[in-house]
PDB file of N, CA and C in Angstrom:
ATOM      1  N   MET A   1       0.671  -0.908  -0.110  1.00  0.00           N
ATOM      2  CA  MET A   1       0.472   0.191  -0.048  1.00  0.00           C
ATOM      3  C   MET A   1       1.067   1.111  -0.125  1.00  0.00           C
ATOM      4  N   SER A   2       0.527   1.993  -0.721  1.00  0.00           N
ATOM      5  CA  SER A   2       1.763   3.493  -1.050  1.00  0.00           C
ATOM      6  C   SER A   2       1.564   3.991   0.316  1.00  0.00           C
ATOM      7  N   ASP A   3       0.306   4.266   1.098  1.00  0.00           N
ATOM      8  CA  ASP A   3       0.215   5.357   2.231  1.00  0.00           C
ATOM      9  C   ASP A   3       0.953   4.518   3.635  1.00  0.00           C
ATOM     10  N   GLN A   4       1.267   3.562   3.065  1.00  0.00           N
ATOM     11  CA  GLN A   4       1.779   3.143   4.489  1.00  0.00           C
ATOM     12  C   GLN A   4       3.526   3.207   4.472  1.00  0.00           C
ATOM     13  N   LEU A   5       3.769   3.459   5.453  1.00  0.00           N
ATOM     14  CA  LEU A   5       5.184   3.999   6.112  1.00  0.00           C
ATOM     15  C   LEU A   5       5.723   3.037   5.815  1.00  0.00           C
ATOM     16  N   MET A   6       7.682   3.128   5.583  1.00  0.00           N
ATOM     17  CA  MET A   6       8.723   2.073   5.488  1.00  0.00           C
ATOM     18  C   MET A   6       8.649   1.644   6.940  1.00  0.00           C
ATOM     19  N   PRO A   7       8.925   0.392   6.973  1.00  0.00           N
ATOM     20  CA  PRO A   7       8.705  -0.435   8.388  1.00  0.00           C
ATOM     21  C   PRO A   7       9.527   0.455   9.583  1.00  0.00           C
ATOM     22  N   TYR A   8       9.555   0.098  10.494  1.00  0.00           N
ATOM     23  CA  TYR A   8      10.197   0.369  12.069  1.00  0.00           C
ATOM     24  C   TYR A   8      11.522  -0.285  11.596  1.00  0.00           C
ATOM     25  N   PRO A   9      12.338  -0.029  12.525  1.00  0.00           N
ATOM     26  CA  PRO A   9      13.538  -0.887  13.296  1.00  0.00           C
ATOM     27  C   PRO A   9      12.796  -1.803  14.264  1.00  0.00           C
ATOM     28  N   ASP A  10      13.563  -2.493  14.530  1.00  0.00           N
ATOM     29  CA  ASP A  10      12.697  -3.435  15.819  1.00  0.00           C
ATOM     30  C   ASP A  10      12.512  -2.709  16.793  1.00  0.00           C
ATOM     31  N   GLU A  11      13.979  -2.068  17.170  1.00  0.00           N
ATOM     32  CA  GLU A  11      13.805  -1.053  18.613  1.00  0.00           C
ATOM     33  C   GLU A  11      12.412  -0.408  18.615  1.00  0.00           C
ATOM     34  N   ILE A  12      11.910  -0.114  17.540  1.00  0.00           N
ATOM     35  CA  ILE A  12      11.028   0.944  17.717  1.00  0.00           C
ATOM     36  C   ILE A  12       9.689   0.221  17.923  1.00  0.00           C
ATOM     37  N   LEU A  13       9.844  -1.268  17.147  1.00  0.00           N
ATOM     38  CA  LEU A  13       8.585  -1.776  17.295  1.00  0.00           C
ATOM     39  C   LEU A  13       8.515  -2.131  18.769  1.00  0.00           C
ATOM     40  N   TYR A  14       9.138  -2.747  19.452  1.00  0.00           N
ATOM     41  CA  TYR A  14       9.200  -3.219  21.105  1.00  0.00           C
ATOM     42  C   TYR A  14       8.917  -1.988  21.904  1.00  0.00           C
ATOM     43  N   HIS A  15       9.422  -0.611  21.674  1.00  0.00           N
ATOM     44  CA  HIS A  15       8.840   0.453  22.216  1.00  0.00           C
ATOM     45  C   HIS A  15       7.611   0.770  22.092  1.00  0.00           C
ATOM     46  N   LEU A  16       7.197   0.532  20.865  1.00  0.00           N
ATOM     47  CA  LEU A  16       5.738   0.749  20.342  1.00  0.00           C
ATOM     48  C   LEU A  16       4.587  -0.487  20.535  1.00  0.00           C
ATOM     49  N   MET A  17       4.887  -1.720  21.114  1.00  0.00           N
ATOM     50  CA  MET A  17       4.350  -2.161  21.388  1.00  0.00           C
ATOM     51  C   MET A  17       4.428  -3.242  23.111  1.00  0.00           C
ATOM     52  N   ARG A  18       4.986  -2.277  23.529  1.00  0.00           N
ATOM     53  CA  ARG A  18       5.333  -2.835  25.303  1.00  0.00           C
ATOM     54  C   ARG A  18       3.923  -2.421  25.273  1.00  0.00           C
ATOM     55  N   ASN A  19       3.270  -1.577  25.368  1.00  0.00           N
ATOM     56  CA  ASN A  19       2.029  -1.199  26.379  1.00  0.00           C
ATOM     57  C   ASN A  19       0.787  -1.640  25.393  1.00  0.00           C
ATOM     58  N   PHE A  20       1.077  -2.532  24.264  1.00  0.00           N
ATOM     59  CA  PHE A  20      -0.247  -3.530  24.301  1.00  0.00           C
ATOM     60  C   PHE A  20      -0.839  -3.965  24.625  1.00  0.00           C
ATOM     61  N   SER A  21      -2.298  -4.041  24.566  1.00  0.00           N
ATOM     62  CA  SER A  21      -3.338  -4.421  25.359  1.00  0.00           C
ATOM     63  C   SER A  21      -3.706  -6.336  24.574  1.00  0.00           C
ATOM     64  N   LEU A  22      -4.281  -7.033  25.564  1.00  0.00           N
ATOM     65  CA  LEU A  22      -5.044  -8.151  24.776  1.00  0.00           C
ATOM     66  C   LEU A  22      -5.690  -7.712  24.036  1.00  0.00           C
ATOM     67  N   PRO A  23      -6.246  -6.672  23.509  1.00  0.00           N
ATOM     68  CA  PRO A  23      -8.065  -6.297  22.128  1.00  0.00           C
ATOM     69  C   PRO A  23      -6.768  -5.950  21.411  1.00  0.00           C
ATOM     70  N   GLN A  24      -5.783  -5.184  21.586  1.00  0.00           N
ATOM     71  CA  GLN A  24      -5.020  -4.914  20.450  1.00  0.00           C
ATOM     72  C   GLN A  24      -4.517  -5.628  19.776  1.00  0.00           C
ATOM     73  N   TRP A  25      -3.638  -7.198  20.439  1.00  0.00           N
ATOM     74  CA  TRP A  25      -3.150  -8.137  19.718  1.00  0.00           C
ATOM     75  C   TRP A  25      -4.146  -9.058  19.571  1.00  0.00           C
ATOM     76  N   THR A  26      -5.465  -9.251  19.790  1.00  0.00           N
ATOM     77  CA  THR A  26      -6.341  -9.831  19.288  1.00  0.00           C
ATOM     78  C   THR A  26      -6.736  -9.398  18.074  1.00  0.00           C
ATOM     79  N   ILE A  27      -6.529  -8.044  17.700  1.00  0.00           N
ATOM     80  CA  ILE A  27      -7.244  -7.086  16.811  1.00  0.00           C
ATOM     81  C   ILE A  27      -6.140  -7.852  15.313  1.00  0.00           C
ATOM     82  N   LEU A  28      -4.984  -7.710  15.544  1.00  0.00           N
ATOM     83  CA  LEU A  28      -3.655  -7.797  14.953  1.00  0.00           C
ATOM     84  C   LEU A  28      -3.685  -9.446  14.237  1.00  0.00           C
ATOM     85  N   GLU A  29      -4.090 -10.335  15.025  1.00  0.00           N
ATOM     86  CA  GLU A  29      -3.910 -11.914  15.010  1.00  0.00           C
ATOM     87  C   GLU A  29      -5.140 -12.030  14.373  1.00  0.00           C
ATOM     88  N   LEU A  30      -6.327 -11.935  14.378  1.00  0.00           N
ATOM     89  CA  LEU A  30      -7.761 -11.471  13.749  1.00  0.00           C
ATOM     90  C   LEU A  30      -6.965 -11.223  12.400  1.00  0.00           C
ATOM     91  N   LEU A  31      -6.654  -9.687  11.988  1.00  0.00           N
ATOM     92  CA  LEU A  31      -6.491  -9.631  10.776  1.00  0.00           C
ATOM     93  C   LEU A  31      -5.528 -11.059  10.071  1.00  0.00           C
ATOM     94  N   THR A  32      -4.482 -11.131  10.708  1.00  0.00           N
ATOM     95  CA  THR A  32      -3.129 -12.302   9.992  1.00  0.00           C
ATOM     96  C   THR A  32      -4.177 -13.472   9.390  1.00  0.00           C
ATOM     97  N   ARG A  33      -4.936 -13.511  10.739  1.00  0.00           N
ATOM     98  CA  ARG A  33      -6.227 -14.907  10.627  1.00  0.00           C
ATOM     99  C   ARG A  33      -6.851 -14.691   9.065  1.00  0.00           C
ATOM    100  N   ALA A  34      -7.227 -13.217   9.165  1.00  0.00           N
ATOM    101  CA  ALA A  34      -8.219 -12.850   8.045  1.00  0.00           C
ATOM    102  C   ALA A  34      -7.373 -13.087   6.588  1.00  0.00           C
ATOM    103  N   GLU A  35      -6.384 -12.650   6.180  1.00  0.00           N
ATOM    104  CA  GLU A  35      -4.820 -12.561   5.726  1.00  0.00           C
ATOM    105  C   GLU A  35      -4.766 -14.491   4.983  1.00  0.00           C
ATOM    106  N   SER A  36      -4.963 -15.462   5.655  1.00  0.00           N
ATOM    107  CA  SER A  36      -4.570 -16.856   5.263  1.00  0.00           C
ATOM    108  C   SER A  36      -5.682 -17.155   5.300  1.00  0.00           C
ATOM    109  N   GLY A  37      -7.595 -17.150   5.201  1.00  0.00           N
ATOM    110  CA  GLY A  37      -8.376 -17.509   5.430  1.00  0.00           C
ATOM    111  C   GLY A  37      -8.578 -18.442   6.475  1.00  0.00           C
ATOM    112  N   GLU A  38      -8.585 -17.980   7.228  1.00  0.00           N
ATOM    113  CA  GLU A  38      -8.579 -19.008   8.578  1.00  0.00           C
ATOM    114  C   GLU A  38      -9.902 -18.779   9.486  1.00  0.00           C
ATOM    115  N   LEU A  39     -10.523 -17.535   8.887  1.00  0.00           N
ATOM    116  CA  LEU A  39     -11.617 -16.969  10.078  1.00  0.00           C
ATOM    117  C   LEU A  39     -13.028 -17.592   9.025  1.00  0.00           C
ATOM    118  N   GLU A  40     -13.892 -18.064  10.036  1.00  0.00           N
ATOM    119  CA  GLU A  40     -15.180 -18.892   9.989  1.00  0.00           C
ATOM    120  C   GLU A  40     -15.669 -17.807   9.199  1.00  0.00           C
ATOM    121  N   ASP A  41     -16.325 -18.105   7.958  1.00  0.00           N
ATOM    122  CA  ASP A  41     -17.482 -17.477   7.307  1.00  0.00           C
ATOM    123  C   ASP A  41     -16.877 -16.240   6.603  1.00  0.00           C
ATOM    124  N   HIS A  42     -15.305 -16.117   6.378  1.00  0.00           N
ATOM    125  CA  HIS A  42     -14.432 -14.875   5.606  1.00  0.00           C
ATOM    126  C   HIS A  42     -13.967 -15.689   5.014  1.00  0.00           C
ATOM    127  N   GLU A  43     -14.173 -15.355   3.468  1.00  0.00           N
ATOM    128  CA  GLU A  43     -12.924 -15.533   2.250  1.00  0.00           C
ATOM    129  C   GLU A  43     -11.832 -15.083   2.691  1.00  0.00           C
ATOM    130  N   LYS A  44     -11.078 -15.662   2.030  1.00  0.00           N
ATOM    131  CA  LYS A  44      -9.272 -15.083   2.138  1.00  0.00           C
ATOM    132  C   LYS A  44      -9.058 -13.658   1.765  1.00  0.00           C
ATOM    133  N   ASP A  45      -8.983 -12.671   2.883  1.00  0.00           N
ATOM    134  CA  ASP A  45      -8.664 -11.617   1.855  1.00  0.00           C
ATOM    135  C   ASP A  45      -8.200 -10.933   2.956  1.00  0.00           C
ATOM    136  N   PRO A  46      -7.489 -10.161   2.719  1.00  0.00           N
ATOM    137  CA  PRO A  46      -6.380  -8.983   3.911  1.00  0.00           C
ATOM    138  C   PRO A  46      -6.437  -7.910   4.828  1.00  0.00           C
ATOM    139  N   THR A  47      -8.067  -7.680   3.799  1.00  0.00           N
ATOM    140  CA  THR A  47      -9.196  -6.943   5.090  1.00  0.00           C
ATOM    141  C   THR A  47      -9.823  -7.316   5.400  1.00  0.00           C
ATOM    142  N   LEU A  48     -10.134  -7.290   6.078  1.00  0.00           N
ATOM    143  CA  LEU A  48     -11.703  -7.099   7.638  1.00  0.00           C
ATOM    144  C   LEU A  48     -12.278  -5.716   7.502  1.00  0.00           C
ATOM    145  N   SER A  49     -13.724  -5.314   7.021  1.00  0.00           N
ATOM    146  CA  SER A  49     -14.429  -4.005   7.850  1.00  0.00           C
ATOM    147  C   SER A  49     -14.528  -3.868   9.078  1.00  0.00           C
ATOM    148  N   LEU A  50     -14.626  -2.771   9.375  1.00  0.00           N
ATOM    149  CA  LEU A  50     -14.617  -2.426  10.595  1.00  0.00           C
ATOM    150  C   LEU A  50     -15.410  -2.985  11.238  1.00  0.00           C
ATOM    151  N   THR A  51     -17.027  -2.930  10.445  1.00  0.00           N
ATOM    152  CA  THR A  51     -17.903  -3.947  11.260  1.00  0.00           C
ATOM    153  C   THR A  51     -17.543  -5.024  11.405  1.00  0.00           C
ATOM    154  N   ASP A  52     -17.236  -5.709  10.698  1.00  0.00           N
ATOM    155  CA  ASP A  52     -16.785  -7.342  10.707  1.00  0.00           C
ATOM    156  C   ASP A  52     -15.714  -7.638  11.601  1.00  0.00           C
ATOM    157  N   LEU A  53     -14.650  -6.833  12.122  1.00  0.00           N
ATOM    158  CA  LEU A  53     -13.495  -6.706  12.788  1.00  0.00           C
ATOM    159  C   LEU A  53     -14.075  -6.897  14.155  1.00  0.00           C
ATOM    160  N   HIS A  54     -15.294  -5.559  14.696  1.00  0.00           N
ATOM    161  CA  HIS A  54     -15.962  -5.493  15.869  1.00  0.00           C
ATOM    162  C   HIS A  54     -16.614  -6.617  15.861  1.00  0.00           C
ATOM    163  N   ASP A  55     -17.196  -7.062  14.998  1.00  0.00           N
ATOM    164  CA  ASP A  55     -18.267  -8.561  15.012  1.00  0.00           C
ATOM    165  C   ASP A  55     -17.713  -9.668  15.739  1.00  0.00           C
ATOM    166  N   PHE A  56     -16.080  -9.627  15.681  1.00  0.00           N
ATOM    167  CA  PHE A  56     -14.959 -10.900  15.713  1.00  0.00           C
ATOM    168  C   PHE A  56     -15.084 -10.071  17.312  1.00  0.00           C
ATOM    169  N   ILE A  57     -14.955  -8.790  17.468  1.00  0.00           N
ATOM    170  CA  ILE A  57     -13.838  -8.913  18.607  1.00  0.00           C
ATOM    171  C   ILE A  57     -14.828  -8.500  19.907  1.00  0.00           C
ATOM    172  N   LYS A  58     -15.418  -8.009  20.018  1.00  0.00           N
ATOM    173  CA  LYS A  58     -16.652  -7.741  20.790  1.00  0.00           C
ATOM    174  C   LYS A  58     -16.289  -6.929  21.559  1.00  0.00           C
ATOM    175  N   LEU A  59     -16.023  -5.893  21.514  1.00  0.00           N
ATOM    176  CA  LEU A  59     -16.244  -5.252  22.371  1.00  0.00           C
ATOM    177  C   LEU A  59     -16.622  -3.990  22.080  1.00  0.00           C
ATOM    178  N   SER A  60     -16.983  -3.030  23.417  1.00  0.00           N
ATOM    179  CA  SER A  60     -17.826  -2.261  23.310  1.00  0.00           C
ATOM    180  C   SER A  60     -17.562  -1.512  21.841  1.00  0.00           C
ATOM    181  N   GLN A  61     -18.206  -0.190  21.061  1.00  0.00           N
ATOM    182  CA  GLN A  61     -18.045   0.045  20.101  1.00  0.00           C
ATOM    183  C   GLN A  61     -17.099   1.439  20.395  1.00  0.00           C
ATOM    184  N   GLN A  62     -16.955   2.315  21.482  1.00  0.00           N
ATOM    185  CA  GLN A  62     -15.858   3.087  22.385  1.00  0.00           C
ATOM    186  C   GLN A  62     -14.737   2.830  22.766  1.00  0.00           C
ATOM    187  N   ASN A  63     -14.780   1.489  23.028  1.00  0.00           N
ATOM    188  CA  ASN A  63     -13.526   0.281  23.266  1.00  0.00           C
ATOM    189  C   ASN A  63     -12.878   0.014  22.098  1.00  0.00           C
ATOM    190  N   PHE A  64     -13.562  -0.425  21.513  1.00  0.00           N
ATOM    191  CA  PHE A  64     -13.009  -1.098  19.841  1.00  0.00           C
ATOM    192  C   PHE A  64     -12.149   0.052  19.365  1.00  0.00           C
ATOM    193  N   ARG A  65     -13.146   1.203  18.866  1.00  0.00           N
ATOM    194  CA  ARG A  65     -12.314   2.340  18.382  1.00  0.00           C
ATOM    195  C   ARG A  65     -11.311   2.666  19.448  1.00  0.00           C
ATOM    196  N   ALA A  66     -11.239   2.426  20.160  1.00  0.00           N
ATOM    197  CA  ALA A  66      -9.901   3.415  20.883  1.00  0.00           C
ATOM    198  C   ALA A  66      -8.692   2.217  20.333  1.00  0.00           C
ATOM    199  N   GLN A  67      -8.993   1.054  20.376  1.00  0.00           N
ATOM    200  CA  GLN A  67      -7.821  -0.126  19.971  1.00  0.00           C
ATOM    201  C   GLN A  67      -7.683   0.058  18.715  1.00  0.00           C
ATOM    202  N   VAL A  68      -8.274   0.634  17.818  1.00  0.00           N
ATOM    203  CA  VAL A  68      -8.089   0.413  16.589  1.00  0.00           C
ATOM    204  C   VAL A  68      -7.421   1.836  16.440  1.00  0.00           C
ATOM    205  N   ALA A  69      -7.963   3.013  16.823  1.00  0.00           N
ATOM    206  CA  ALA A  69      -7.360   4.189  16.989  1.00  0.00           C
ATOM    207  C   ALA A  69      -5.630   4.116  17.528  1.00  0.00           C
ATOM    208  N   LEU A  70      -5.340   3.553  17.999  1.00  0.00           N
ATOM    209  CA  LEU A  70      -3.803   3.068  19.089  1.00  0.00           C
ATOM    210  C   LEU A  70      -3.245   2.494  18.098  1.00  0.00           C
ATOM    211  N   LEU A  71      -3.866   0.996  17.117  1.00  0.00           N
ATOM    212  CA  LEU A  71      -3.230   0.439  16.393  1.00  0.00           C
ATOM    213  C   LEU A  71      -2.608   1.176  15.442  1.00  0.00           C
ATOM    214  N   HIS A  72      -3.665   2.163  14.714  1.00  0.00           N
ATOM    215  CA  HIS A  72      -3.119   2.434  13.347  1.00  0.00           C
ATOM    216  C   HIS A  72      -2.184   4.076  14.152  1.00  0.00           C
ATOM    217  N   GLY A  73      -2.126   4.230  15.287  1.00  0.00           N
ATOM    218  CA  GLY A  73      -1.200   5.510  15.411  1.00  0.00           C
ATOM    219  C   GLY A  73       0.144   5.012  15.850  1.00  0.00           C
ATOM    220  N   SER A  74       0.262   3.437  15.944  1.00  0.00           N
ATOM    221  CA  SER A  74       1.723   2.756  16.075  1.00  0.00           C
ATOM    222  C   SER A  74       1.489   1.883  14.336  1.00  0.00           C
ATOM    223  N   ASN A  75       1.379   2.328  13.457  1.00  0.00           N
ATOM    224  CA  ASN A  75       1.288   2.110  11.845  1.00  0.00           C
ATOM    225  C   ASN A  75       1.665   0.550  12.282  1.00  0.00           C
ATOM    226  N   ALA A  76       0.530  -0.109  13.084  1.00  0.00           N
ATOM    227  CA  ALA A  76       0.929  -1.901  13.020  1.00  0.00           C
ATOM    228  C   ALA A  76      -0.645  -2.086  12.279  1.00  0.00           C
ATOM    229  N   ILE A  77      -1.395  -1.096  11.545  1.00  0.00           N
ATOM    230  CA  ILE A  77      -2.600  -1.238  10.756  1.00  0.00           C
ATOM    231  C   ILE A  77      -3.162  -0.568  10.057  1.00  0.00           C
ATOM    232  N   ALA A  78      -3.732  -0.465   8.760  1.00  0.00           N
ATOM    233  CA  ALA A  78      -3.786   0.639   8.520  1.00  0.00           C
ATOM    234  C   ALA A  78      -4.918   0.676   7.678  1.00  0.00           C
ATOM    235  N   LEU A  79      -5.728   1.945   7.223  1.00  0.00           N
ATOM    236  CA  LEU A  79      -7.573   1.908   7.251  1.00  0.00           C
ATOM    237  C   LEU A  79      -7.664   2.408   5.749  1.00  0.00           C
ATOM    238  N   VAL A  80      -8.638   1.765   4.819  1.00  0.00           N
ATOM    239  CA  VAL A  80      -8.658   1.989   3.556  1.00  0.00           C
ATOM    240  C   VAL A  80      -9.821   1.966   3.085  1.00  0.00           C
ATOM    241  N   THR A  81     -10.011   2.466   2.769  1.00  0.00           N
ATOM    242  CA  THR A  81     -11.503   3.147   2.123  1.00  0.00           C
ATOM    243  C   THR A  81     -12.457   1.715   1.164  1.00  0.00           C
ATOM    244  N   GLY A  82     -13.066   1.457   1.673  1.00  0.00           N
ATOM    245  CA  GLY A  82     -13.799   0.472   0.883  1.00  0.00           C
ATOM    246  C   GLY A  82     -14.168   0.800  -0.940  1.00  0.00           C
ATOM    247  N   VAL A  83     -13.951  -0.450  -1.147  1.00  0.00           N
ATOM    248  CA  VAL A  83     -14.031  -0.780  -2.854  1.00  0.00           C
ATOM    249  C   VAL A  83     -15.479  -0.602  -3.315  1.00  0.00           C
ATOM    250  N   THR A  84     -16.638  -1.176  -2.530  1.00  0.00           N
ATOM    251  CA  THR A  84     -17.547  -0.976  -2.839  1.00  0.00           C
ATOM    252  C   THR A  84     -17.890   0.212  -2.417  1.00  0.00           C
ATOM    253  N   ASP A  85     -17.742   0.656  -1.251  1.00  0.00           N
ATOM    254  CA  ASP A  85     -19.119   1.269  -1.030  1.00  0.00           C
ATOM    255  C   ASP A  85     -17.903   2.372  -0.024  1.00  0.00           C
ATOM    256  N   GLN A  86     -17.511   3.624  -0.601  1.00  0.00           N
ATOM    257  CA  GLN A  86     -16.480   4.783  -0.788  1.00  0.00           C
ATOM    258  C   GLN A  86     -16.564   5.124   0.737  1.00  0.00           C
ATOM    259  N   ARG A  87     -18.012   4.761   1.662  1.00  0.00           N
ATOM    260  CA  ARG A  87     -18.088   5.768   2.930  1.00  0.00           C
ATOM    261  C   ARG A  87     -17.563   4.304   3.742  1.00  0.00           C
ATOM    262  N   SER A  88     -17.466   3.390   3.514  1.00  0.00           N
ATOM    263  CA  SER A  88     -16.638   2.230   4.876  1.00  0.00           C
ATOM    264  C   SER A  88     -15.008   2.061   4.653  1.00  0.00           C
ATOM    265  N   LYS A  89     -14.762   1.724   6.128  1.00  0.00           N
ATOM    266  CA  LYS A  89     -13.267   1.407   6.049  1.00  0.00           C
ATOM    267  C   LYS A  89     -13.311   0.226   6.515  1.00  0.00           C
ATOM    268  N   ASN A  90     -12.069   0.045   5.718  1.00  0.00           N
ATOM    269  CA  ASN A  90     -11.053  -1.255   5.986  1.00  0.00           C
ATOM    270  C   ASN A  90     -10.332  -1.673   6.931  1.00  0.00           C
ATOM    271  N   VAL A  91      -9.377  -2.270   7.411  1.00  0.00           N
ATOM    272  CA  VAL A  91      -8.788  -2.398   8.055  1.00  0.00           C
ATOM    273  C   VAL A  91      -7.725  -3.632   7.671  1.00  0.00           C
ATOM    274  N   VAL A  92      -6.388  -3.407   7.490  1.00  0.00           N
ATOM    275  CA  VAL A  92      -5.351  -4.080   6.665  1.00  0.00           C
ATOM    276  C   VAL A  92      -3.989  -4.228   8.154  1.00  0.00           C
ATOM    277  N   LEU A  93      -3.726  -5.345   7.668  1.00  0.00           N
ATOM    278  CA  LEU A  93      -2.079  -5.592   8.408  1.00  0.00           C
ATOM    279  C   LEU A  93      -1.094  -4.718   7.780  1.00  0.00           C
ATOM    280  N   THR A  94      -0.787  -4.027   8.603  1.00  0.00           N
ATOM    281  CA  THR A  94       0.679  -3.313   7.511  1.00  0.00           C
ATOM    282  C   THR A  94       2.382  -3.915   7.879  1.00  0.00           C
ATOM    283  N   GLU A  95       2.838  -4.261   7.404  1.00  0.00           N
ATOM    284  CA  GLU A  95       4.177  -4.743   7.749  1.00  0.00           C
ATOM    285  C   GLU A  95       4.850  -4.799   9.123  1.00  0.00           C
ATOM    286  N   ASN A  96       4.532  -3.457   9.538  1.00  0.00           N
ATOM    287  CA  ASN A  96       5.319  -3.075  10.548  1.00  0.00           C
ATOM    288  C   ASN A  96       4.039  -4.173  11.926  1.00  0.00           C
ATOM    289  N   GLY A  97       2.697  -4.170  11.872  1.00  0.00           N
ATOM    290  CA  GLY A  97       1.743  -5.057  12.647  1.00  0.00           C
ATOM    291  C   GLY A  97       2.146  -6.483  12.211  1.00  0.00           C
ATOM    292  N   ARG A  98       3.202  -6.950  10.941  1.00  0.00           N
ATOM    293  CA  ARG A  98       3.151  -8.309  10.893  1.00  0.00           C
ATOM    294  C   ARG A  98       4.624  -8.565  11.889  1.00  0.00           C
ATOM    295  N   ARG A  99       5.396  -7.568  11.873  1.00  0.00           N
ATOM    296  CA  ARG A  99       6.976  -7.550  12.617  1.00  0.00           C
ATOM    297  C   ARG A  99       6.152  -7.912  13.876  1.00  0.00           C
ATOM    298  N   MET A 100       5.633  -6.961  14.645  1.00  0.00           N
ATOM    299  CA  MET A 100       5.202  -7.226  16.092  1.00  0.00           C
ATOM    300  C   MET A 100       4.840  -8.571  16.535  1.00  0.00           C
ATOM    301  N   LEU A 101       3.831  -8.838  15.761  1.00  0.00           N
ATOM    302  CA  LEU A 101       3.458 -10.414  16.222  1.00  0.00           C
ATOM    303  C   LEU A 101       4.544 -10.938  16.135  1.00  0.00           C
ATOM    304  N   GLU A 102       5.441 -10.991  14.760  1.00  0.00           N
ATOM    305  CA  GLU A 102       6.499 -11.845  15.101  1.00  0.00           C
ATOM    306  C   GLU A 102       7.763 -11.850  16.187  1.00  0.00           C
ATOM    307  N   LEU A 103       7.643 -10.456  16.839  1.00  0.00           N
ATOM    308  CA  LEU A 103       8.680 -10.013  17.463  1.00  0.00           C
ATOM    309  C   LEU A 103       8.411 -10.884  19.150  1.00  0.00           C
ATOM    310  N   ARG A 104       6.651 -10.500  18.912  1.00  0.00           N
ATOM    311  CA  ARG A 104       5.896 -11.265  20.623  1.00  0.00           C
ATOM    312  C   ARG A 104       6.202 -12.847  20.420  1.00  0.00           C
ATOM    313  N   GLY A 105       6.232 -13.369  19.513  1.00  0.00           N
ATOM    314  CA  GLY A 105       6.569 -14.651  19.658  1.00  0.00           C
ATOM    315  C   GLY A 105       8.237 -15.180  19.669  1.00  0.00           C
ATOM    316  N   ASN A 106       8.744 -14.203  20.004  1.00  0.00           N
ATOM    317  CA  ASN A 106      10.286 -14.670  20.770  1.00  0.00           C
ATOM    318  C   ASN A 106      10.333 -13.754  22.237  1.00  0.00           C
TER     319      ASN A 106
END
């Protein structure tokens, strides 16, 4: 995606992810599962609509929006305009988000 920043060095990623909460990690993992086609009732697609993501994670709307904003601010996810509906927003995992998940596993 052209609007994404260059991948951050690992030191910066560690700094950003040190305060990630369980809902934030869950969002990143759901996006990884969506990319690989592992989500039930969701075809293999690297994006999830905000509505679909909210339905999977089951947080209050206010808390969900806060978690998405924090992940977006740390460049772990990107928000892209929907293809069929320009009013909708889809969420996609960035290279930084993938690397954060890898670093978390170490």
